[in-house]
Protein backbone atom coordinates (compact mmCIF):
# COMPACT_ATOMS: atom_id res chain seq x y z
CA UNK A 1 23.49 -98.72 207.52
CA UNK A 2 22.27 -96.44 210.87
CA UNK A 3 24.24 -93.51 212.06
CA UNK A 4 26.87 -93.97 214.97
CA UNK A 5 29.51 -92.42 212.45
CA UNK A 6 32.46 -94.61 212.29
CA UNK A 7 32.38 -96.38 214.99
CA UNK A 8 32.71 -100.41 214.84
CA UNK A 9 31.12 -102.61 217.24
CA UNK A 10 34.42 -104.42 218.40
CA UNK A 11 34.24 -107.28 220.71
CA UNK A 12 36.09 -108.97 223.03
CA UNK A 13 37.88 -111.37 220.70
CA UNK A 14 38.52 -108.72 218.59
CA UNK A 15 40.25 -107.07 221.24
CA UNK A 16 42.15 -109.82 221.98
CA UNK A 17 43.33 -110.50 218.49
CA UNK A 18 44.97 -106.44 218.90
CA UNK A 19 46.76 -107.00 222.28
CA UNK A 20 47.97 -110.38 221.14
CA UNK A 21 49.68 -108.50 217.91
CA UNK A 22 51.02 -105.37 220.03
CA UNK A 23 52.55 -108.72 222.70
CA UNK A 24 53.96 -110.60 219.74
CA UNK A 25 55.41 -107.20 218.25
CA UNK A 26 57.05 -106.29 221.57
CA UNK A 27 58.34 -109.90 221.73
CA UNK A 28 60.30 -109.54 218.56
CA UNK A 29 61.83 -106.62 219.27
CA UNK A 30 63.33 -108.15 222.71
CA UNK A 31 64.29 -110.89 220.92
CA UNK A 32 66.30 -108.77 218.48
CA UNK A 33 67.84 -106.99 221.27
CA UNK A 34 70.26 -110.28 221.73
CA UNK A 35 71.68 -110.10 218.41
CA UNK A 36 73.18 -106.47 219.00
CA UNK A 37 76.71 -105.77 219.89
CA UNK A 38 77.70 -102.92 217.30
CA UNK A 39 76.24 -99.93 215.84
CA UNK A 40 76.35 -102.02 212.70
CA UNK A 41 73.84 -104.50 214.26
CA UNK A 42 72.28 -101.56 215.43
CA UNK A 43 71.31 -99.37 212.30
CA UNK A 44 72.23 -101.86 209.55
CA UNK A 45 70.69 -105.45 211.44
CA UNK A 46 74.73 -106.50 211.06
CA UNK A 47 74.39 -106.47 207.57
CA UNK A 48 73.70 -109.90 207.72
CA UNK A 49 69.76 -110.73 206.52
CA UNK A 50 68.09 -112.89 203.66
CA UNK A 51 66.93 -111.32 200.70
CA UNK A 52 63.22 -112.98 201.21
CA UNK A 53 63.52 -111.39 204.90
CA UNK A 54 64.67 -107.51 203.43
CA UNK A 55 62.37 -108.34 200.56
CA UNK A 56 59.34 -108.41 202.18
CA UNK A 57 60.33 -105.83 204.79
CA UNK A 58 60.83 -103.37 202.14
CA UNK A 59 57.43 -103.79 200.77
CA UNK A 60 56.05 -103.47 203.98
CA UNK A 61 58.16 -100.47 205.12
CA UNK A 62 56.07 -98.87 201.89
CA UNK A 63 52.63 -100.30 202.93
CA UNK A 64 51.93 -98.02 205.45
CA UNK A 65 48.51 -96.78 206.84
CA UNK A 66 49.10 -94.15 204.36
CA UNK A 67 49.69 -96.11 201.77
CA UNK A 68 46.19 -98.20 202.23
CA UNK A 69 44.48 -95.39 203.77
CA UNK A 70 45.35 -92.73 201.11
CA UNK A 71 45.14 -95.58 197.92
CA UNK A 72 41.68 -96.65 198.64
CA UNK A 73 41.37 -92.80 199.24
CA UNK A 74 42.67 -92.21 195.69
CA UNK A 75 40.64 -94.99 194.54
CA UNK A 76 37.07 -93.88 194.93
CA UNK A 77 38.10 -90.48 194.03
CA UNK A 78 39.84 -91.44 190.97
CA UNK A 79 39.14 -94.96 189.68
CA UNK A 80 41.62 -97.38 188.23
CA UNK A 81 43.83 -94.69 187.70
CA UNK A 82 45.04 -95.25 190.76
CA UNK A 83 46.85 -98.18 189.80
CA UNK A 84 49.46 -95.69 187.71
CA UNK A 85 51.02 -95.86 191.31
CA UNK A 86 52.10 -99.25 191.42
CA UNK A 87 52.40 -100.24 187.59
CA UNK A 88 54.11 -97.37 186.32
CA UNK A 89 54.82 -95.55 190.13
CA UNK A 90 56.63 -98.19 191.87
CA UNK A 91 57.79 -101.43 189.95
CA UNK A 92 60.35 -99.70 187.06
CA UNK A 93 61.73 -97.85 189.90
CA UNK A 94 62.39 -101.12 192.46
CA UNK A 95 64.00 -102.70 189.29
CA UNK A 96 66.12 -99.89 188.51
CA UNK A 97 67.08 -99.73 192.65
CA UNK A 98 68.04 -103.76 192.32
CA UNK A 99 69.89 -103.99 189.32
CA UNK A 100 71.40 -100.93 188.73
CA UNK A 101 71.33 -99.03 191.91
CA UNK A 102 72.16 -101.40 194.89
CA UNK A 103 75.99 -102.43 193.34
CA UNK A 104 77.00 -98.38 194.24
CA UNK A 105 75.55 -98.71 197.80
CA UNK A 106 76.02 -101.66 198.81
CA UNK A 107 79.17 -101.90 197.12
CA UNK A 108 80.79 -98.93 198.68
CA UNK A 109 79.50 -99.81 202.22
CA UNK A 110 77.78 -96.76 202.46
CA UNK A 111 75.09 -96.54 205.94
CA UNK A 112 73.07 -94.10 204.40
CA UNK A 113 72.43 -92.31 201.53
CA UNK A 114 73.55 -88.44 202.42
CA UNK A 115 76.63 -90.89 202.94
CA UNK A 116 77.07 -91.65 199.82
CA UNK A 117 76.64 -87.77 198.47
CA UNK A 118 79.75 -87.09 200.98
CA UNK A 119 81.53 -89.40 199.00
CA UNK A 120 80.54 -88.65 195.56
CA UNK A 121 80.49 -85.15 195.98
CA UNK A 122 81.46 -82.87 199.25
CA UNK A 123 80.53 -82.21 203.14
CA UNK A 124 77.88 -79.23 202.13
CA UNK A 125 76.15 -81.28 199.60
CA UNK A 126 76.07 -84.52 202.09
CA UNK A 127 74.76 -81.90 205.23
CA UNK A 128 72.13 -80.62 203.15
CA UNK A 129 70.48 -83.80 202.34
CA UNK A 130 70.97 -85.12 205.75
CA UNK A 131 69.13 -82.18 207.43
CA UNK A 132 66.48 -82.16 204.34
CA UNK A 133 66.08 -86.23 204.79
CA UNK A 134 65.69 -86.48 208.37
CA UNK A 135 62.74 -83.11 208.13
CA UNK A 136 61.17 -85.05 205.42
CA UNK A 137 60.94 -88.59 208.28
CA UNK A 138 59.62 -86.87 211.07
CA UNK A 139 57.27 -85.24 208.66
CA UNK A 140 55.81 -88.02 207.16
CA UNK A 141 56.08 -90.24 210.36
CA UNK A 142 53.56 -87.75 211.87
CA UNK A 143 51.27 -88.14 208.65
CA UNK A 144 51.79 -91.67 209.77
CA UNK A 145 50.93 -91.54 213.23
CA UNK A 146 47.85 -89.04 212.34
CA UNK A 147 46.49 -91.51 210.14
CA UNK A 148 46.47 -94.41 213.14
CA UNK A 149 45.14 -91.76 214.99
CA UNK A 150 41.80 -91.30 213.13
CA UNK A 151 41.57 -94.93 212.81
CA UNK A 152 41.53 -95.31 216.66
CA UNK A 153 39.67 -92.15 216.92
CA UNK A 154 36.54 -93.47 214.77
CA UNK A 155 37.15 -96.95 214.96
CA UNK A 156 37.39 -97.51 218.85
CA UNK A 157 36.34 -93.96 220.18
CA UNK A 158 39.78 -93.71 221.79
CA UNK A 159 40.37 -89.73 221.98
CA UNK A 160 42.79 -88.18 218.89
CA UNK A 161 46.01 -87.63 221.48
CA UNK A 162 45.40 -90.91 223.37
CA UNK A 163 45.43 -92.77 220.32
CA UNK A 164 48.77 -90.68 219.02
CA UNK A 165 50.91 -91.85 222.35
CA UNK A 166 49.82 -95.22 222.31
CA UNK A 167 50.90 -95.73 218.87
CA UNK A 168 54.00 -93.59 219.36
CA UNK A 169 55.01 -95.81 222.14
CA UNK A 170 54.79 -98.85 220.86
CA UNK A 171 56.42 -98.38 217.71
CA UNK A 172 59.55 -96.66 220.24
CA UNK A 173 59.25 -99.34 222.34
CA UNK A 174 60.51 -102.17 219.51
CA UNK A 175 62.76 -99.90 218.09
CA UNK A 176 64.56 -98.64 220.59
CA UNK A 177 65.50 -102.22 222.15
CA UNK A 178 65.80 -104.50 218.82
CA UNK A 179 67.27 -101.72 216.23
CA UNK A 180 66.66 -102.47 212.42
CA UNK A 181 66.54 -106.27 213.18
CA UNK A 182 63.12 -105.40 215.35
CA UNK A 183 62.16 -103.45 212.69
CA UNK A 184 62.63 -105.35 209.80
CA UNK A 185 61.37 -108.84 211.28
CA UNK A 186 57.95 -107.00 212.88
CA UNK A 187 57.69 -105.55 209.05
CA UNK A 188 57.62 -108.86 207.79
CA UNK A 189 54.96 -110.30 210.60
CA UNK A 190 53.30 -107.24 209.87
CA UNK A 191 53.20 -107.72 205.67
CA UNK A 192 51.05 -111.11 206.37
CA UNK A 193 49.02 -109.12 209.07
CA UNK A 194 47.98 -105.97 206.91
CA UNK A 195 47.20 -108.52 204.12
CA UNK A 196 44.84 -110.94 206.09
CA UNK A 197 43.32 -107.97 207.33
CA UNK A 198 42.81 -106.18 203.89
CA UNK A 199 41.46 -109.55 201.93
CA UNK A 200 38.38 -109.94 203.98
CA UNK A 201 37.34 -106.29 202.93
CA UNK A 202 38.09 -106.71 199.25
CA UNK A 203 36.00 -110.43 198.78
CA UNK A 204 32.92 -109.17 201.00
CA UNK A 205 32.53 -106.33 199.24
CA UNK A 206 32.98 -107.80 195.78
CA UNK A 207 29.97 -110.28 197.04
CA UNK A 208 27.82 -107.26 197.98
CA UNK A 209 28.25 -105.59 195.20
CA UNK A 210 27.92 -108.37 192.46
CA UNK A 211 31.37 -109.96 191.74
CA UNK A 212 33.63 -107.65 189.41
CA UNK A 213 31.09 -107.38 187.16
CA UNK A 214 28.68 -106.19 188.92
CA UNK A 215 31.49 -103.48 190.80
CA UNK A 216 32.01 -102.46 186.61
CA UNK A 217 28.39 -101.54 186.26
CA UNK A 218 27.83 -99.50 189.74
CA UNK A 219 31.14 -98.11 189.15
CA UNK A 220 29.91 -96.90 185.24
CA UNK A 221 26.74 -95.36 186.90
CA UNK A 222 28.69 -93.65 189.37
CA UNK A 223 30.19 -89.94 189.48
CA UNK A 224 33.00 -91.38 187.77
CA UNK A 225 31.32 -93.03 185.22
CA UNK A 226 32.79 -95.26 182.61
CA UNK A 227 36.29 -93.13 183.15
CA UNK A 228 36.40 -94.69 186.71
CA UNK A 229 37.32 -98.27 184.38
CA UNK A 230 40.15 -97.34 182.66
CA UNK A 231 44.11 -96.23 183.22
CA UNK A 232 45.05 -94.16 180.08
CA UNK A 233 41.75 -93.00 178.21
CA UNK A 234 41.62 -89.21 177.76
CA UNK A 235 45.25 -89.04 178.93
CA UNK A 236 45.62 -87.02 175.75
CA UNK A 237 43.90 -84.25 177.15
CA UNK A 238 43.82 -83.70 181.03
CA UNK A 239 39.62 -84.73 180.67
CA UNK A 240 40.12 -87.60 182.77
CA UNK A 241 39.53 -88.37 186.93
CA UNK A 242 43.00 -87.94 187.80
CA UNK A 243 43.28 -84.37 185.60
CA UNK A 244 46.38 -85.40 184.56
CA UNK A 245 47.94 -85.43 180.89
CA UNK A 246 50.12 -88.96 180.16
CA UNK A 247 53.24 -87.16 179.91
CA UNK A 248 52.84 -86.16 183.63
CA UNK A 249 51.89 -89.49 184.22
CA UNK A 250 54.93 -91.04 182.38
CA UNK A 251 57.69 -88.43 183.40
CA UNK A 252 56.44 -86.92 186.47
CA UNK A 253 54.69 -89.94 188.49
CA UNK A 254 56.78 -93.12 186.54
CA UNK A 255 59.95 -91.41 186.54
CA UNK A 256 61.16 -88.83 188.82
CA UNK A 257 58.68 -89.00 191.34
CA UNK A 258 58.71 -92.75 191.66
CA UNK A 259 62.41 -92.90 190.72
CA UNK A 260 63.14 -90.33 193.33
CA UNK A 261 60.89 -92.09 196.06
CA UNK A 262 62.38 -95.68 195.46
CA UNK A 263 65.98 -95.05 194.68
CA UNK A 264 67.02 -92.62 197.13
CA UNK A 265 64.84 -92.81 200.07
CA UNK A 266 66.90 -94.34 202.42
CA UNK A 267 63.95 -95.55 204.44
CA UNK A 268 63.43 -98.29 201.85
CA UNK A 269 67.30 -98.88 201.12
CA UNK A 270 68.26 -99.69 204.16
CA UNK A 271 66.24 -102.76 204.18
CA UNK A 272 68.31 -103.55 201.14
CA UNK A 273 71.61 -102.72 202.92
CA UNK A 274 70.79 -104.85 205.99
CA UNK A 275 70.61 -108.02 203.89
CA UNK A 276 74.09 -110.36 203.57
CA UNK A 277 75.69 -109.81 200.19
CA UNK A 278 75.57 -108.18 197.25
CA UNK A 279 73.09 -110.31 195.37
CA UNK A 280 70.57 -110.64 198.27
CA UNK A 281 70.90 -106.92 198.34
CA UNK A 282 69.96 -106.24 194.87
CA UNK A 283 67.02 -108.97 195.08
CA UNK A 284 65.70 -107.06 197.98
CA UNK A 285 63.66 -104.48 195.66
CA UNK A 286 62.68 -106.58 192.97
CA UNK A 287 61.19 -109.52 195.68
CA UNK A 288 59.45 -106.83 197.04
CA UNK A 289 58.00 -105.42 193.34
CA UNK A 290 56.33 -108.61 192.71
CA UNK A 291 54.02 -108.28 195.87
CA UNK A 292 53.58 -104.36 194.77
CA UNK A 293 51.96 -106.03 191.43
CA UNK A 294 49.37 -106.99 193.56
CA UNK A 295 48.51 -104.70 195.89
CA UNK A 296 46.00 -102.58 194.23
CA UNK A 297 43.23 -105.69 194.54
CA UNK A 298 43.36 -104.74 198.11
CA UNK A 299 43.35 -100.79 197.82
CA UNK A 300 41.90 -99.87 194.74
CA UNK A 301 39.55 -102.24 194.54
CA UNK A 302 37.73 -101.24 198.02
CA UNK A 303 38.27 -97.46 197.10
CA UNK A 304 35.99 -98.23 194.23
CA UNK A 305 33.55 -100.97 196.26
CA UNK A 306 33.31 -97.93 198.90
CA UNK A 307 32.37 -95.11 195.98
CA UNK A 308 29.56 -97.21 194.92
CA UNK A 309 28.80 -98.59 198.47
CA UNK A 310 29.12 -96.34 200.88
CA UNK A 311 26.44 -93.24 200.29
CA UNK A 312 27.41 -90.08 200.23
CA UNK A 313 31.62 -90.63 200.08
CA UNK A 314 33.96 -87.78 199.22
CA UNK A 315 32.71 -85.22 201.41
CA UNK A 316 35.13 -82.47 202.32
CA UNK A 317 34.83 -82.75 205.90
CA UNK A 318 33.24 -85.22 208.77
CA UNK A 319 33.03 -88.54 208.36
CA UNK A 320 32.49 -89.08 204.53
CA UNK A 321 35.99 -87.83 203.53
CA UNK A 322 37.87 -89.82 201.06
CA UNK A 323 40.18 -90.90 203.69
CA UNK A 324 37.79 -92.94 205.50
CA UNK A 325 36.99 -95.38 202.63
CA UNK A 326 38.37 -98.55 203.97
CA UNK A 327 36.98 -98.15 207.93
CA UNK A 328 33.54 -97.00 206.80
CA UNK A 329 33.91 -100.61 204.96
CA UNK A 330 35.05 -102.34 207.55
CA UNK A 331 31.87 -100.71 209.66
CA UNK A 332 29.24 -102.17 207.13
CA UNK A 333 30.91 -105.23 205.90
CA UNK A 334 33.14 -107.18 208.57
CA UNK A 335 31.52 -109.68 211.35
CA UNK A 336 33.38 -109.63 214.66
CA UNK A 337 36.69 -111.56 215.03
CA UNK A 338 37.39 -110.97 211.30
CA UNK A 339 36.83 -107.15 212.22
CA UNK A 340 39.67 -107.65 214.67
CA UNK A 341 42.30 -108.91 212.30
CA UNK A 342 41.26 -105.97 210.08
CA UNK A 343 41.79 -103.13 212.47
CA UNK A 344 45.16 -105.25 213.38
CA UNK A 345 46.15 -105.23 210.21
CA UNK A 346 45.54 -101.49 209.71
CA UNK A 347 47.63 -100.92 213.13
CA UNK A 348 50.19 -102.87 211.71
CA UNK A 349 50.38 -101.08 208.56
CA UNK A 350 50.72 -97.51 210.17
CA UNK A 351 53.24 -99.36 212.76
CA UNK A 352 55.38 -100.61 209.73
CA UNK A 353 55.15 -97.21 208.05
CA UNK A 354 56.28 -95.15 211.01
CA UNK A 355 59.41 -97.51 211.94
CA UNK A 356 60.43 -97.04 208.56
CA UNK A 357 60.75 -93.31 209.05
CA UNK A 358 62.03 -93.34 212.20
CA UNK A 359 64.89 -96.04 212.10
CA UNK A 360 65.75 -94.10 208.71
CA UNK A 361 65.80 -90.78 210.34
CA UNK A 362 67.97 -92.50 213.35
CA UNK A 363 70.69 -93.79 211.35
CA UNK A 364 71.01 -90.38 209.44
CA UNK A 365 71.13 -88.34 212.39
CA UNK A 366 73.72 -90.17 214.30
CA UNK A 367 76.22 -91.11 211.35
CA UNK A 368 75.25 -87.99 208.91
CA UNK A 369 74.83 -84.94 211.49
CA UNK A 370 76.10 -86.43 214.85
CA UNK A 371 78.97 -88.41 213.86
CA UNK A 372 79.93 -86.06 210.88
CA UNK A 373 79.35 -82.75 212.47
CA UNK A 374 79.58 -82.97 216.42
CA UNK A 375 81.80 -85.84 217.76
CA UNK A 376 83.55 -87.60 215.43
CA UNK A 377 85.94 -90.26 217.38
CA UNK A 378 83.57 -91.67 220.19
CA UNK A 379 83.09 -95.45 220.87
CA UNK A 380 80.47 -97.86 219.63
CA UNK A 381 78.10 -97.56 222.30
CA UNK A 382 78.11 -93.78 222.73
CA UNK A 383 76.87 -94.11 218.69
CA UNK A 384 73.96 -96.99 219.48
CA UNK A 385 73.10 -94.85 222.58
CA UNK A 386 72.33 -91.38 220.47
CA UNK A 387 70.50 -94.07 217.89
CA UNK A 388 68.37 -94.46 220.73
CA UNK A 389 67.80 -91.29 222.14
CA UNK A 390 67.28 -90.12 218.05
CA UNK A 391 64.84 -92.98 217.91
CA UNK A 392 62.99 -91.43 221.04
CA UNK A 393 63.50 -87.73 219.49
CA UNK A 394 61.73 -88.84 216.07
CA UNK A 395 58.89 -90.08 217.51
CA UNK A 396 58.41 -86.86 220.04
CA UNK A 397 58.57 -84.51 216.99
CA UNK A 398 56.51 -87.22 214.86
CA UNK A 399 53.84 -86.53 217.69
CA UNK A 400 54.11 -82.91 216.74
CA UNK A 401 53.85 -82.95 212.83
CA UNK A 402 51.16 -85.71 212.81
CA UNK A 403 48.80 -82.30 213.74
CA UNK A 404 50.43 -80.64 210.58
CA UNK A 405 48.78 -83.56 208.35
CA UNK A 406 45.22 -83.40 210.05
CA UNK A 407 45.19 -80.06 207.95
CA UNK A 408 44.63 -82.48 204.98
CA UNK A 409 41.59 -83.87 203.81
CA UNK A 410 43.62 -86.15 201.61
CA UNK A 411 46.42 -86.93 203.31
CA UNK A 412 47.92 -89.01 199.99
CA UNK A 413 47.53 -85.30 198.41
CA UNK A 414 50.29 -83.95 201.50
CA UNK A 415 52.60 -86.92 200.86
CA UNK A 416 52.75 -86.54 197.30
CA UNK A 417 53.76 -82.93 197.91
CA UNK A 418 56.62 -83.72 200.47
CA UNK A 419 58.15 -85.86 197.78
CA UNK A 420 58.29 -83.40 195.04
CA UNK A 421 59.86 -81.30 197.31
CA UNK A 422 62.33 -83.61 198.98
CA UNK A 423 62.93 -86.41 196.79
CA UNK A 424 63.17 -85.22 193.21
CA UNK A 425 65.55 -82.86 193.60
CA UNK A 426 67.62 -85.43 195.17
CA UNK A 427 67.16 -88.04 192.46
CA UNK A 428 68.41 -85.74 190.37
CA UNK A 429 71.62 -84.82 191.61
CA UNK A 430 72.20 -87.92 192.55
CA UNK A 431 71.11 -89.89 189.49
CA UNK A 432 73.36 -87.42 187.04
CA UNK A 433 76.13 -87.55 189.23
CA UNK A 434 75.98 -91.39 189.17
CA UNK A 435 76.55 -91.57 185.40
CA UNK A 436 78.03 -88.44 184.93
CA UNK A 437 81.36 -88.60 186.56
CA UNK A 438 82.65 -85.13 185.10
CA UNK A 439 80.07 -83.43 187.66
CA UNK A 440 81.49 -81.45 190.46
CA UNK A 441 81.34 -81.26 193.89
CA UNK A 442 80.11 -77.87 193.94
CA UNK A 443 77.91 -78.67 191.25
CA UNK A 444 76.41 -81.05 193.42
CA UNK A 445 75.95 -78.88 196.03
CA UNK A 446 74.20 -75.91 194.05
CA UNK A 447 71.72 -77.96 191.81
CA UNK A 448 70.52 -80.25 194.92
CA UNK A 449 69.84 -76.70 196.79
CA UNK A 450 68.36 -74.74 193.43
CA UNK A 451 66.20 -77.90 193.05
CA UNK A 452 64.72 -78.43 196.07
CA UNK A 453 64.07 -74.16 196.10
CA UNK A 454 62.39 -74.89 192.44
CA UNK A 455 60.03 -77.48 194.15
CA UNK A 456 59.43 -75.41 196.95
CA UNK A 457 58.30 -72.33 195.14
CA UNK A 458 56.10 -73.81 192.86
CA UNK A 459 54.02 -75.88 196.03
CA UNK A 460 53.65 -72.18 197.95
CA UNK A 461 52.50 -70.47 194.54
CA UNK A 462 50.17 -72.77 193.86
CA UNK A 463 48.71 -72.73 197.40
CA UNK A 464 48.98 -69.05 197.24
CA UNK A 465 46.58 -68.98 194.00
CA UNK A 466 49.49 -67.08 191.66
CA UNK A 467 49.82 -70.37 189.70
CA UNK A 468 47.07 -72.82 188.77
CA UNK A 469 46.66 -76.85 188.42
CA UNK A 470 43.94 -79.07 187.62
CA UNK A 471 44.39 -81.06 190.75
CA UNK A 472 46.99 -81.00 193.83
CA UNK A 473 48.06 -84.48 192.00
CA UNK A 474 49.03 -82.52 189.25
CA UNK A 475 50.97 -79.74 190.89
CA UNK A 476 53.31 -82.61 192.49
CA UNK A 477 53.58 -84.09 188.95
CA UNK A 478 54.54 -80.38 187.71
CA UNK A 479 56.68 -79.67 190.83
CA UNK A 480 58.27 -82.99 190.72
CA UNK A 481 59.66 -82.34 187.01
CA UNK A 482 60.52 -78.84 187.34
CA UNK A 483 62.52 -79.63 190.11
CA UNK A 484 64.37 -82.38 188.20
CA UNK A 485 64.95 -79.85 184.89
CA UNK A 486 66.41 -77.11 187.46
CA UNK A 487 69.31 -79.93 189.06
CA UNK A 488 70.15 -80.56 185.38
CA UNK A 489 70.38 -77.53 184.01
CA UNK A 490 72.00 -75.83 186.84
CA UNK A 491 74.80 -79.07 186.77
CA UNK A 492 75.26 -78.19 183.06
CA UNK A 493 75.48 -74.41 184.01
CA UNK A 494 78.40 -75.23 187.55
CA UNK A 495 80.19 -78.04 186.06
CA UNK A 496 82.29 -76.42 183.48
CA UNK A 497 83.15 -73.82 185.62
CA UNK A 498 84.32 -75.42 188.56
CA UNK A 499 86.90 -78.14 189.38
CA UNK A 500 86.31 -82.30 188.99
CA UNK A 501 86.90 -84.84 191.63
CA UNK A 502 90.07 -87.50 189.95
CA UNK A 503 88.86 -91.04 188.92
CA UNK A 504 91.02 -92.16 192.42
CA UNK A 505 88.24 -89.98 194.39
CA UNK A 506 85.41 -91.28 192.02
CA UNK A 507 86.24 -95.92 192.31
CA UNK A 508 83.44 -97.54 192.79
CA UNK A 509 81.15 -94.30 193.20
CA UNK A 510 80.08 -93.73 189.41
CA UNK A 511 79.21 -95.53 186.34
CA UNK A 512 82.05 -97.09 184.84
CA UNK A 513 84.52 -96.68 187.19
CA UNK A 514 83.98 -99.98 189.59
CA UNK A 515 86.29 -100.85 192.58
CA UNK A 516 87.83 -104.39 191.45
CA UNK A 517 89.14 -105.00 194.56
CA UNK A 518 85.40 -105.31 195.68
CA UNK A 519 85.32 -108.98 197.67
CA UNK A 520 83.04 -111.83 195.79
CA UNK A 521 80.68 -112.19 198.41
CA UNK A 522 78.37 -114.89 197.09
CA UNK A 523 77.01 -117.66 198.75
CA UNK A 524 76.27 -121.10 197.88
CA UNK A 525 73.09 -120.93 195.27
CA UNK A 526 73.34 -117.20 194.37
CA UNK A 527 74.45 -118.39 191.05
CA UNK A 528 70.86 -120.10 190.43
CA UNK A 529 69.21 -118.75 187.54
CA UNK A 530 66.06 -118.05 189.86
CA UNK A 531 68.01 -115.73 191.99
CA UNK A 532 68.98 -113.71 189.10
CA UNK A 533 68.38 -110.01 189.87
CA UNK A 534 67.90 -108.87 186.08
CA UNK A 535 65.51 -111.74 185.17
CA UNK A 536 63.78 -111.50 188.28
CA UNK A 537 63.73 -107.79 187.54
CA UNK A 538 62.50 -107.94 183.73
CA UNK A 539 59.98 -110.50 184.61
CA UNK A 540 58.50 -108.18 187.20
CA UNK A 541 58.67 -105.14 184.50
CA UNK A 542 56.91 -107.46 182.04
CA UNK A 543 54.32 -108.05 184.15
CA UNK A 544 53.10 -104.61 185.07
CA UNK A 545 53.04 -104.02 181.77
CA UNK A 546 50.80 -107.02 180.69
CA UNK A 547 48.58 -106.06 184.08
CA UNK A 548 47.47 -102.82 182.34
CA UNK A 549 46.03 -104.87 179.24
CA UNK A 550 42.09 -105.34 180.81
CA UNK A 551 42.34 -101.88 181.83
CA UNK A 552 43.84 -99.97 179.54
């Protein structure tokens, strides 16, 4: 394949496709601007969008460059076991969010996840979560920005700093102008662009290695061996490519990490809150679960193709690190024209991920920090203006945090570590508080704080060599599990010693105390059987289980 590193041989057609995409994205942002009259329009799209739009935006917001680059890297490093991140590590939690949690979020008319915690517990819990969420979003936005810059540098020869700034400016433009609607309609467009960019890599790659059977034979001959083709084999011990026991996969990933991410990550939940009614809000994550089932085809399979076709993949640094699995395949496999679509798909994936982080950050900063603690009774225009300034701030800080991400050879390991610190304790506090109405406001604060401290300590002790795990990912499974257990124990100790809220204060916020005054907002057609959230959700979970059979 020759040297020359990762540089792609892009021609005028490829650049034209990329330029057209940038123009379209900005056009969508300006078109969305016309619908912005109030802060609810800017931050929550006026709660007016249909379920298929919010559903595709929901999956697209998660399908960032991280997901594509990171999951293909994991496919090359760990083999088929990477599918756990989708079939047990995403779909059940997305269905749970739609069926069980959305009625509380949408029904209580909260504008963010921290706001729910303020109503359920108290202001200290609210402030702690608002700050930790804001920090997590700018760290993750930085990872997305770094991922994009790496691609631009490698593929187009742009200097790292220049690529970071160009990417940041375009995302900044369409969110500042179009608010959440600008982000969401672009995410729907990005979903199709991303898939169009990835499918050719998978198809041409499979043809090159002799189809699925040729790929399986090649994986057996690779350093992963037969183990690279199975999801559950040898998980009774840690002698598998992921170095994880089935308990860690089921409890750490399948329960704590995935439920923690999907049900409390406001960057995702915000897409469902912008739906036009309760039925559409509940269907949003469930509709998103269907494409999620199939995404391993365009991430994990290319990772395996890279493992068997790219000589020397898996180096500690240089062009052959696992993170470059997809860019290396683009270089080796794609003709011009198709190359332009693939590069555009990667750029789109980065933008979708970063836009989700930034729009989550600007809402929480404006409503949960600025309005709640600094300027309470300002005009609506004031909050829209603060939201736009917060967007600029998030992007500027994201440029800084992009350089933190540069210190990790597999950025997926970094992101899982962030989730175990920020999401797992929040999920524990949240889910116990939702189902155990006796849990007190002080128990909410202390359990969230102690869970976060334990997860952070586990990570720092592992990094400092004080405790050891088989892999970075095993550390995040354990860190998440320990954080969850800490939350439960602290809640059980503090609750009997402190005063709970009354049932009147908890109506509509906890399980078993529904608000009878909730207006029925269903639209014509919502009662149709194929729109039932429960039916759609059950089918998605059954499919996820069935998909495991061929790769068990």
